[in-house]
Protein backbone atom coordinates (compact mmCIF):
# COMPACT_ATOMS: atom_id res chain seq x y z
CA MET A 1 -0.01 0.18 0.04
CA THR A 2 1.65 3.52 -0.56
CA THR A 3 1.88 5.43 2.40
CA LYS A 4 1.35 9.30 2.81
CA ALA A 5 4.84 9.87 2.78
CA GLN A 6 5.34 8.35 -0.67
CA LEU A 7 2.78 10.00 -2.24
CA GLN A 8 4.63 13.31 -0.79
CA ASN A 9 7.90 12.47 -2.23
CA ALA A 10 6.57 10.91 -5.49
CA PRO A 11 8.09 12.97 -8.48
CA SER A 12 5.53 15.54 -9.80
CA LYS A 13 3.34 14.26 -13.02
CA ASN A 14 4.41 17.76 -14.39
CA ASP A 15 7.98 17.71 -14.18
CA THR A 16 7.86 14.06 -15.71
CA LEU A 17 6.23 15.47 -18.71
CA PHE A 18 8.69 18.34 -18.99
CA ALA A 19 11.27 16.29 -19.10
CA ARG A 20 9.81 13.66 -21.50
CA ALA A 21 8.70 16.77 -23.87
CA GLN A 22 12.17 18.53 -24.24
CA LYS A 23 13.22 15.45 -25.95
CA THR A 24 11.11 15.92 -28.82
CA THR A 25 9.97 19.85 -28.79
CA PRO A 26 12.54 22.89 -28.61
CA GLY A 27 11.96 23.88 -25.17
CA GLY A 28 9.66 20.76 -23.97
CA VAL A 29 6.59 24.00 -25.12
CA ASN A 30 4.98 24.22 -28.48
CA SER A 31 4.70 28.32 -27.50
CA PRO A 32 8.09 29.97 -25.33
CA VAL A 33 5.75 31.44 -22.52
CA ARG A 34 4.45 28.31 -21.86
CA ALA A 35 7.87 26.78 -21.02
CA PHE A 36 8.18 29.27 -17.41
CA ARG A 37 11.74 30.23 -18.04
CA SER A 38 10.54 33.84 -17.04
CA VAL A 39 9.33 32.31 -14.00
CA GLY A 40 11.54 29.23 -13.15
CA GLY A 41 10.40 25.74 -12.34
CA SER A 42 8.11 23.57 -14.27
CA PRO A 43 4.96 24.32 -16.53
CA ARG A 44 1.88 22.49 -15.44
CA PHE A 45 0.45 20.24 -17.96
CA ILE A 46 -3.07 20.59 -18.30
CA THR A 47 -5.47 17.63 -18.56
CA ARG A 48 -8.86 18.85 -18.43
CA ALA A 49 -10.74 22.16 -17.69
CA GLU A 50 -14.18 23.55 -16.22
CA GLY A 51 -15.95 27.06 -15.66
CA PRO A 52 -13.07 29.36 -14.48
CA TYR A 53 -10.72 26.23 -13.44
CA PHE A 54 -8.18 23.79 -14.90
CA TRP A 55 -6.53 21.33 -13.58
CA ASP A 56 -2.94 19.88 -14.52
CA ALA A 57 -1.52 16.44 -14.46
CA ASP A 58 -0.71 15.67 -10.73
CA ASP A 59 -4.98 16.91 -10.50
CA LYS A 60 -4.22 19.79 -8.86
CA ARG A 61 -6.82 22.30 -9.67
CA TYR A 62 -6.25 26.40 -9.99
CA THR A 63 -8.12 28.96 -10.63
CA ASP A 64 -7.48 29.85 -13.98
CA TYR A 65 -6.82 33.74 -15.01
CA ILE A 66 -5.03 33.59 -18.88
CA GLY A 67 -7.96 31.75 -20.10
CA SER A 68 -6.12 30.08 -23.31
CA TRP A 69 -4.77 33.92 -23.21
CA GLY A 70 -8.20 35.44 -23.71
CA PRO A 71 -10.47 32.70 -25.64
CA ALA A 72 -12.08 31.12 -22.45
CA ILE A 73 -14.66 34.54 -22.00
CA VAL A 74 -17.66 32.30 -21.31
CA GLY A 75 -15.29 30.23 -19.04
CA HIS A 76 -13.98 26.18 -19.93
CA ALA A 77 -16.36 23.96 -21.76
CA HIS A 78 -19.20 26.22 -21.99
CA PRO A 79 -22.03 23.33 -22.67
CA ALA A 80 -23.42 25.67 -25.67
CA VAL A 81 -20.15 25.86 -27.24
CA VAL A 82 -18.88 21.92 -26.01
CA LYS A 83 -22.18 21.16 -27.99
CA ALA A 84 -21.86 23.46 -30.88
CA VAL A 85 -18.42 21.66 -32.08
CA GLN A 86 -19.76 18.33 -31.12
CA GLU A 87 -22.49 18.71 -33.91
CA ALA A 88 -19.89 20.38 -36.06
CA ALA A 89 -17.95 17.66 -35.60
CA ALA A 90 -20.32 15.41 -36.07
CA ARG A 91 -20.89 16.68 -40.26
CA GLY A 92 -17.50 16.31 -40.92
CA LEU A 93 -13.63 18.34 -39.72
CA SER A 94 -12.79 19.83 -42.61
CA PHE A 95 -13.72 20.36 -46.51
CA GLY A 96 -11.72 22.95 -48.00
CA ALA A 97 -14.80 24.69 -49.39
CA PRO A 98 -16.72 27.65 -48.73
CA THR A 99 -19.77 26.84 -45.82
CA GLU A 100 -22.67 28.44 -44.81
CA GLY A 101 -21.21 28.88 -41.04
CA GLU A 102 -18.19 31.58 -42.62
CA ILE A 103 -20.64 33.33 -43.83
CA GLU A 104 -22.52 33.91 -40.61
CA ILE A 105 -19.79 34.44 -38.29
CA ALA A 106 -18.51 36.86 -41.44
CA GLU A 107 -21.68 38.71 -41.23
CA GLU A 108 -21.79 38.57 -37.09
CA ILE A 109 -18.19 39.94 -37.05
CA CYS A 110 -19.21 42.82 -39.90
CA ARG A 111 -22.61 43.77 -37.99
CA LEU A 112 -20.71 43.75 -34.40
CA VAL A 113 -17.61 45.80 -35.42
CA PRO A 114 -18.68 48.57 -37.77
CA SER A 115 -15.36 49.78 -39.10
CA ILE A 116 -15.47 46.37 -41.04
CA GLU A 117 -17.57 45.65 -43.72
CA GLN A 118 -15.94 42.87 -44.90
CA VAL A 119 -13.59 40.25 -43.41
CA ARG A 120 -11.47 37.43 -44.20
CA LEU A 121 -11.30 34.39 -41.91
CA VAL A 122 -7.47 32.70 -41.16
CA SER A 123 -6.65 30.47 -38.29
CA SER A 124 -3.71 32.37 -36.12
CA GLY A 125 -3.35 36.04 -35.31
CA THR A 126 -0.15 36.38 -36.97
CA GLU A 127 -2.01 35.31 -40.46
CA ALA A 128 -4.29 38.15 -39.57
CA THR A 129 -1.63 40.98 -39.15
CA MET A 130 0.91 39.62 -41.86
CA SER A 131 -2.56 39.55 -44.15
CA ALA A 132 -3.07 43.16 -43.19
CA LEU A 133 0.25 44.45 -43.59
CA ARG A 134 0.24 43.18 -46.17
CA VAL A 135 -3.19 44.08 -47.96
CA ALA A 136 -2.35 47.74 -46.73
CA ARG A 137 0.74 48.15 -48.62
CA GLY A 138 -0.66 46.45 -51.70
CA ALA A 139 -3.64 49.13 -51.51
CA THR A 140 -0.79 52.19 -50.93
CA GLY A 141 1.60 51.01 -53.25
CA ARG A 142 4.15 52.05 -50.23
CA ASP A 143 6.52 49.60 -48.16
CA ARG A 144 7.09 51.54 -44.87
CA ILE A 145 5.02 50.12 -41.72
CA VAL A 146 5.13 51.65 -38.03
CA LYS A 147 4.81 49.79 -35.06
CA PHE A 148 5.54 50.61 -31.44
CA GLU A 149 7.81 49.30 -28.74
CA GLY A 150 6.05 46.70 -26.96
CA CYS A 151 3.49 45.35 -28.92
CA TYR A 152 3.51 42.14 -30.30
CA HIS A 153 1.78 41.63 -33.64
CA GLY A 154 2.68 38.18 -34.78
CA HIS A 155 5.86 36.34 -35.46
CA ALA A 156 5.97 37.57 -38.95
CA ASP A 157 9.46 38.44 -40.02
CA SER A 158 8.14 42.44 -40.48
CA LEU A 159 6.78 42.44 -37.04
CA LEU A 160 9.77 40.61 -34.88
CA VAL A 161 11.46 44.16 -34.60
CA LYS A 162 13.07 46.19 -31.44
CA ALA A 163 13.46 50.04 -31.42
CA GLY A 164 16.25 51.17 -33.31
CA SER A 165 19.25 53.63 -31.46
CA GLY A 166 17.24 56.68 -31.39
CA MET A 167 14.02 58.21 -32.94
CA LEU A 168 13.20 57.74 -36.31
CA THR A 169 15.64 54.99 -36.63
CA PHE A 170 14.36 52.02 -38.13
CA GLY A 171 14.59 48.53 -36.04
CA ASN A 172 16.83 45.33 -35.62
CA PRO A 173 15.25 41.88 -35.52
CA THR A 174 14.45 40.70 -32.62
CA SER A 175 14.79 37.11 -33.40
CA ALA A 176 17.09 35.26 -35.13
CA GLY A 177 16.29 34.04 -38.65
CA VAL A 178 14.74 37.62 -39.37
CA PRO A 179 16.89 39.16 -41.96
CA GLU A 180 17.43 43.01 -41.34
CA ASP A 181 15.88 43.39 -44.92
CA PHE A 182 12.76 42.24 -44.00
CA VAL A 183 12.70 45.07 -41.00
CA LYS A 184 14.56 47.99 -42.98
CA HIS A 185 11.13 49.15 -43.69
CA THR A 186 9.40 48.76 -40.28
CA LEU A 187 9.95 52.08 -37.85
CA VAL A 188 9.45 51.46 -34.10
CA LEU A 189 8.10 54.51 -32.05
CA ASP A 190 7.03 54.41 -28.48
CA TYR A 191 3.52 53.63 -27.00
CA ASN A 192 2.17 56.58 -26.04
CA ASP A 193 4.24 59.04 -27.75
CA VAL A 194 2.21 61.49 -29.67
CA GLN A 195 5.17 63.66 -30.50
CA GLN A 196 7.95 61.15 -31.74
CA LEU A 197 4.73 59.90 -34.14
CA GLU A 198 4.09 63.48 -35.57
CA ASP A 199 7.69 63.69 -36.23
CA ALA A 200 7.88 60.52 -37.84
CA PHE A 201 4.74 61.08 -40.66
CA LYS A 202 6.23 65.11 -40.85
CA ALA A 203 9.36 63.17 -42.02
CA MET A 204 8.27 60.23 -43.86
CA GLY A 205 4.50 60.35 -44.06
CA ASP A 206 4.16 59.87 -47.86
CA THR A 207 5.60 56.88 -47.35
CA ILE A 208 3.83 54.81 -44.64
CA ALA A 209 1.91 52.20 -46.03
CA CYS A 210 -0.42 51.66 -42.37
CA VAL A 211 0.58 52.09 -38.25
CA ILE A 212 -0.51 48.85 -36.89
CA VAL A 213 -1.20 49.18 -33.06
CA GLU A 214 -2.62 47.21 -29.89
CA PRO A 215 -5.19 49.58 -28.53
CA VAL A 216 -5.08 47.96 -25.51
CA ALA A 217 -1.74 46.58 -24.93
CA GLY A 218 -1.44 43.21 -23.73
CA ASN A 219 2.37 41.89 -24.66
CA MET A 220 4.09 43.58 -22.17
CA ASN A 221 1.28 43.21 -19.75
CA LEU A 222 -2.03 45.48 -20.12
CA VAL A 223 -0.88 49.17 -20.94
CA ARG A 224 -3.28 51.13 -22.27
CA ALA A 225 -3.02 53.82 -24.95
CA THR A 226 -4.16 57.08 -23.91
CA PRO A 227 -7.16 58.77 -26.05
CA GLU A 228 -4.61 61.46 -27.70
CA PHE A 229 -2.04 58.68 -28.59
CA LEU A 230 -5.05 57.14 -30.92
CA HIS A 231 -6.83 60.19 -32.35
CA ALA A 232 -3.59 61.79 -33.62
CA MET A 233 -2.76 58.18 -35.02
CA ARG A 234 -6.30 58.29 -36.80
CA ARG A 235 -5.55 61.92 -37.79
CA LEU A 236 -2.20 61.35 -39.35
CA CYS A 237 -2.92 58.24 -41.09
CA THR A 238 -5.69 59.97 -42.83
CA GLN A 239 -3.66 63.43 -43.42
CA TYR A 240 -0.96 61.31 -44.85
CA GLY A 241 -3.21 58.23 -46.91
CA ALA A 242 -1.69 55.49 -44.51
CA VAL A 243 -3.97 52.49 -43.24
CA LEU A 244 -4.00 52.41 -39.35
CA ILE A 245 -4.33 48.83 -38.73
CA PHE A 246 -5.61 48.18 -35.22
CA ASP A 247 -4.56 44.72 -33.88
CA GLU A 248 -7.30 43.62 -31.55
CA VAL A 249 -6.78 40.15 -31.68
CA MET A 250 -6.94 40.29 -27.89
CA SER A 251 -8.53 43.19 -26.84
CA GLY A 252 -11.69 42.53 -29.74
CA PHE A 253 -14.51 41.15 -27.94
CA ARG A 254 -12.62 40.99 -24.33
CA VAL A 255 -12.48 44.82 -23.44
CA ALA A 256 -15.81 45.24 -25.02
CA LEU A 257 -18.42 44.33 -27.34
CA GLY A 258 -17.12 46.42 -30.33
CA GLY A 259 -13.59 45.80 -29.44
CA ALA A 260 -11.61 49.05 -27.94
CA GLN A 261 -12.27 51.01 -30.78
CA SER A 262 -15.57 51.23 -29.75
CA LEU A 263 -14.38 52.03 -26.35
CA PHE A 264 -12.42 55.09 -27.70
CA GLY A 265 -14.98 56.13 -30.38
CA ILE A 266 -11.97 55.59 -33.36
CA LYS A 267 -12.83 53.91 -36.84
CA PRO A 268 -9.92 52.21 -38.17
CA ASP A 269 -9.42 51.24 -41.96
CA MET A 270 -8.77 47.53 -40.85
CA THR A 271 -8.91 45.68 -37.88
CA ALA A 272 -6.96 42.15 -36.64
CA LEU A 273 -9.05 39.76 -34.39
CA GLY A 274 -8.53 36.12 -32.90
CA LYS A 275 -9.06 34.51 -29.94
CA VAL A 276 -12.35 35.45 -28.66
CA ILE A 277 -14.10 34.68 -32.28
CA GLY A 278 -12.66 31.21 -32.18
CA GLY A 279 -14.00 30.35 -28.34
CA GLY A 280 -11.17 28.17 -27.96
CA LEU A 281 -10.36 26.66 -31.25
CA PRO A 282 -7.89 28.43 -34.19
CA VAL A 283 -9.99 31.22 -35.78
CA ALA A 284 -8.85 35.09 -36.80
CA ALA A 285 -9.75 36.97 -39.03
CA PHE A 286 -8.64 40.67 -40.69
CA GLY A 287 -10.90 42.59 -41.73
CA GLY A 288 -11.77 46.59 -42.73
CA ARG A 289 -13.33 49.13 -45.68
CA ALA A 290 -14.09 47.22 -48.42
CA ASP A 291 -12.22 49.26 -50.64
CA LEU A 292 -9.14 47.87 -49.27
CA MET A 293 -10.32 44.51 -49.24
CA ALA A 294 -10.90 44.83 -52.34
CA HIS A 295 -7.48 44.04 -53.09
CA LEU A 296 -7.64 40.31 -51.84
CA ALA A 297 -7.47 37.75 -53.85
CA PRO A 298 -8.80 36.14 -55.88
CA VAL A 299 -10.85 40.17 -56.67
CA GLY A 300 -7.37 41.72 -56.46
CA ALA A 301 -3.36 41.23 -56.73
CA VAL A 302 -2.61 40.95 -53.04
CA TYR A 303 -2.36 37.07 -52.56
CA GLN A 304 -3.47 35.02 -49.34
CA ALA A 305 -4.42 31.83 -48.88
CA GLY A 306 -5.65 28.76 -46.12
CA THR A 307 -5.92 25.33 -46.11
CA LEU A 308 -7.95 25.73 -42.60
CA SER A 309 -9.37 28.86 -42.97
CA GLY A 310 -13.33 28.99 -42.08
CA ASN A 311 -12.43 25.32 -40.38
CA PRO A 312 -16.31 24.30 -40.00
CA VAL A 313 -15.86 23.08 -36.11
CA ALA A 314 -13.65 26.00 -35.51
CA VAL A 315 -16.17 28.54 -36.78
CA ALA A 316 -18.80 26.51 -34.57
CA ALA A 317 -17.33 27.12 -31.70
CA GLY A 318 -16.67 31.02 -32.50
CA MET A 319 -19.82 31.90 -33.07
CA SER A 320 -21.56 30.19 -30.48
CA THR A 321 -18.87 32.24 -28.52
CA LEU A 322 -20.21 35.45 -29.70
CA LYS A 323 -24.44 34.63 -29.22
CA LEU A 324 -22.77 34.26 -25.36
CA ILE A 325 -21.24 37.72 -25.09
CA GLN A 326 -24.33 39.11 -26.62
CA GLU A 327 -26.58 38.17 -23.42
CA PRO A 328 -27.56 41.04 -21.53
CA GLN A 329 -25.22 42.80 -19.20
CA PHE A 330 -22.62 40.53 -19.91
CA TYR A 331 -19.90 43.03 -20.18
CA GLU A 332 -20.51 45.61 -17.34
CA LYS A 333 -20.50 42.08 -14.98
CA LEU A 334 -17.07 40.77 -16.76
CA SER A 335 -16.00 44.36 -16.38
CA ALA A 336 -17.10 44.05 -12.52
CA THR A 337 -15.43 40.75 -11.78
CA ALA A 338 -11.85 42.19 -12.93
CA ARG A 339 -12.19 45.64 -11.28
CA ARG A 340 -13.21 43.12 -8.16
CA LEU A 341 -10.08 41.47 -8.91
CA THR A 342 -7.58 44.29 -9.28
CA GLN A 343 -9.09 46.90 -6.72
CA GLY A 344 -9.08 43.66 -4.16
CA MET A 345 -4.92 42.97 -5.17
CA GLN A 346 -4.46 46.48 -4.84
CA HIS A 347 -5.65 46.99 -1.22
CA ALA A 348 -4.02 43.43 -0.06
CA ALA A 349 -0.95 44.36 -1.01
CA GLN A 350 -1.46 48.23 0.32
CA GLU A 351 -1.95 46.31 3.55
CA ALA A 352 1.09 44.90 3.36
CA GLY A 353 3.17 47.87 2.60
CA VAL A 354 4.33 45.98 -0.92
CA ALA A 355 4.75 48.73 -4.04
CA PHE A 356 2.00 47.29 -6.42
CA SER A 357 -0.49 48.56 -9.18
CA ALA A 358 -2.87 46.65 -11.40
CA ASP A 359 -5.52 47.91 -13.87
CA ALA A 360 -8.69 46.44 -15.78
CA VAL A 361 -10.68 47.10 -19.13
CA GLY A 362 -13.31 44.90 -20.01
CA GLY A 363 -12.35 41.21 -19.11
CA MET A 364 -8.82 41.99 -19.22
CA PHE A 365 -6.09 43.38 -16.48
CA GLY A 366 -2.87 43.52 -15.82
CA MET A 367 -0.96 43.44 -12.17
CA TYR A 368 2.65 45.14 -11.82
CA PHE A 369 4.73 45.34 -9.44
CA SER A 370 5.80 49.30 -9.34
CA ALA A 371 3.53 52.45 -7.24
CA SER A 372 2.27 53.49 -10.86
CA VAL A 373 0.31 52.11 -13.72
CA PRO A 374 2.51 51.80 -16.62
CA THR A 375 1.56 53.52 -19.48
CA SER A 376 4.89 52.91 -21.94
CA TYR A 377 7.42 49.61 -22.73
CA ALA A 378 9.92 51.07 -20.77
CA GLU A 379 8.29 52.04 -17.68
CA MET A 380 7.00 48.26 -18.13
CA MET A 381 10.47 47.23 -18.01
CA ALA A 382 11.42 48.97 -14.91
CA VAL A 383 8.58 47.06 -12.64
CA ASP A 384 10.13 44.36 -10.15
CA ARG A 385 10.50 41.13 -11.67
CA SER A 386 12.00 38.97 -9.04
CA LYS A 387 8.92 40.33 -6.91
CA PHE A 388 6.50 38.96 -9.64
CA ASN A 389 8.27 35.78 -9.78
CA ALA A 390 8.01 35.29 -6.25
CA PHE A 391 4.59 35.99 -6.17
CA PHE A 392 3.65 34.16 -9.09
CA HIS A 393 5.47 30.86 -7.87
CA ALA A 394 3.37 31.60 -3.99
CA MET A 395 -0.04 32.08 -5.75
CA LEU A 396 0.53 28.99 -8.23
CA ASP A 397 1.41 26.72 -4.78
CA ALA A 398 -1.85 27.96 -3.55
CA GLY A 399 -4.07 27.37 -6.36
CA HIS A 400 -4.07 30.48 -8.60
CA TYR A 401 -2.76 30.05 -12.26
CA PHE A 402 -1.49 33.76 -13.58
CA ALA A 403 0.86 34.08 -16.46
CA PRO A 404 4.24 32.34 -16.02
CA ALA A 405 6.01 36.13 -16.89
CA ALA A 406 5.62 40.06 -15.59
CA PHE A 407 4.79 40.94 -19.25
CA GLU A 408 1.60 39.05 -19.86
CA ALA A 409 -1.63 40.41 -19.60
CA GLY A 410 -4.53 38.57 -17.37
CA PHE A 411 -7.92 37.54 -18.20
CA VAL A 412 -11.61 36.74 -16.68
CA SER A 413 -14.40 35.22 -17.69
CA ALA A 414 -17.64 34.81 -17.62
CA GLN A 415 -17.81 32.32 -14.56
CA HIS A 416 -15.29 33.61 -11.92
CA ASP A 417 -17.89 34.94 -9.35
CA ASP A 418 -17.58 36.41 -6.36
CA ALA A 419 -16.90 33.71 -4.42
CA VAL A 420 -13.86 33.11 -6.79
CA ILE A 421 -12.20 36.42 -6.87
CA ASP A 422 -12.80 36.74 -2.96
CA ALA A 423 -10.87 33.53 -2.72
CA THR A 424 -7.70 35.20 -4.64
CA ILE A 425 -7.71 37.80 -2.85
CA ALA A 426 -7.39 35.91 0.11
CA SER A 427 -4.67 34.13 -0.84
CA ALA A 428 -3.12 36.72 -2.56
CA ARG A 429 -3.16 38.92 0.94
CA ALA A 430 -1.42 35.57 2.53
CA VAL A 431 1.20 36.37 -0.20
CA PHE A 432 1.99 39.90 -0.35
CA ALA A 433 2.03 39.79 3.37
CA THR A 434 5.20 37.83 2.96
CA LEU A 435 6.75 40.22 0.28
CA GLY A 436 6.29 43.20 2.36
């Protein structure tokens, strides 16, 4: 018979799986942040999920605050979404031909996001942003693009760029394998710096094809764009004939039903969407003004294609999710949940004398071990990462799973009720007491 002591001393199944995975998969993971390199330790291998929770290979339950990095907005394994997937799968997994489901989800996206007159479905956020850039370049006949430090738009070569050595210098590759020639037309500016943006357009506005931005950044943790910054961007793109692209892969249908653009009252020329529109399965999209989308093949000269684009099972999951998020008071409740979490965490940290701040927009939130909420990449880089790492592991031990890096936003779902949030805050209060 196995004794309690033997069970306690047995190797973790997560450790065993991680060691096994590293033999056949680089770093043992299929997306880098999952490897826990930033925080240390072994990643948790998830076996199942339901509502606001998931369980790891050791059958330990965690309150999930990543939600598959955004898609699980209605909670894990929602019965309506599962039913839609099962029914679609029973009809066939993939056809490589059009389906009515593709039309329905496109119609729904265009209805909910007024700036999108036409949309094309793809399978990943990287495809969506990469394709939007191609359309913008094809439509304008220009090569140069503007992006902002700290905004992540997927791993397309032109977008894996860090800032140059000074203002108005072009960027340098942030990844091996990206030739400098691929990024020589990418200008990287500071997020929320209106004057720098004005100077860039004054110097080279007639050569800029597009500006791409996360209106609510989620990949340097949650950082809000200021209204002044986004309105200046809209004005300058209109003035110089550049295409304004909002990357709402993360914020779309996460911060509001109409995305971040509805909160700011700004109409971009193109929008990239993902995550929520797939309900947990691989669906993304890019869309915008009909005259811009008319440049796409088969009607235009800009080529883009994908074998699994508009996959019927994935579209069914996405369409089911889009219906659920339109229930009365859905976003009011979701926003209140995120605020309850962030305000409770701030109060707990304040009681312990820990420098900590937090912010929330819709169902997204950010936590920062700094005295104030960061507004730029440079400010975000100044947070106390060692304290975050200690907090992360202590909360993980207590059964609460936050993003395993200080530079990632968090997410709540409709299934994170007050009791779930209050239990998390209680754990955080105990952890902050050890960090003060």
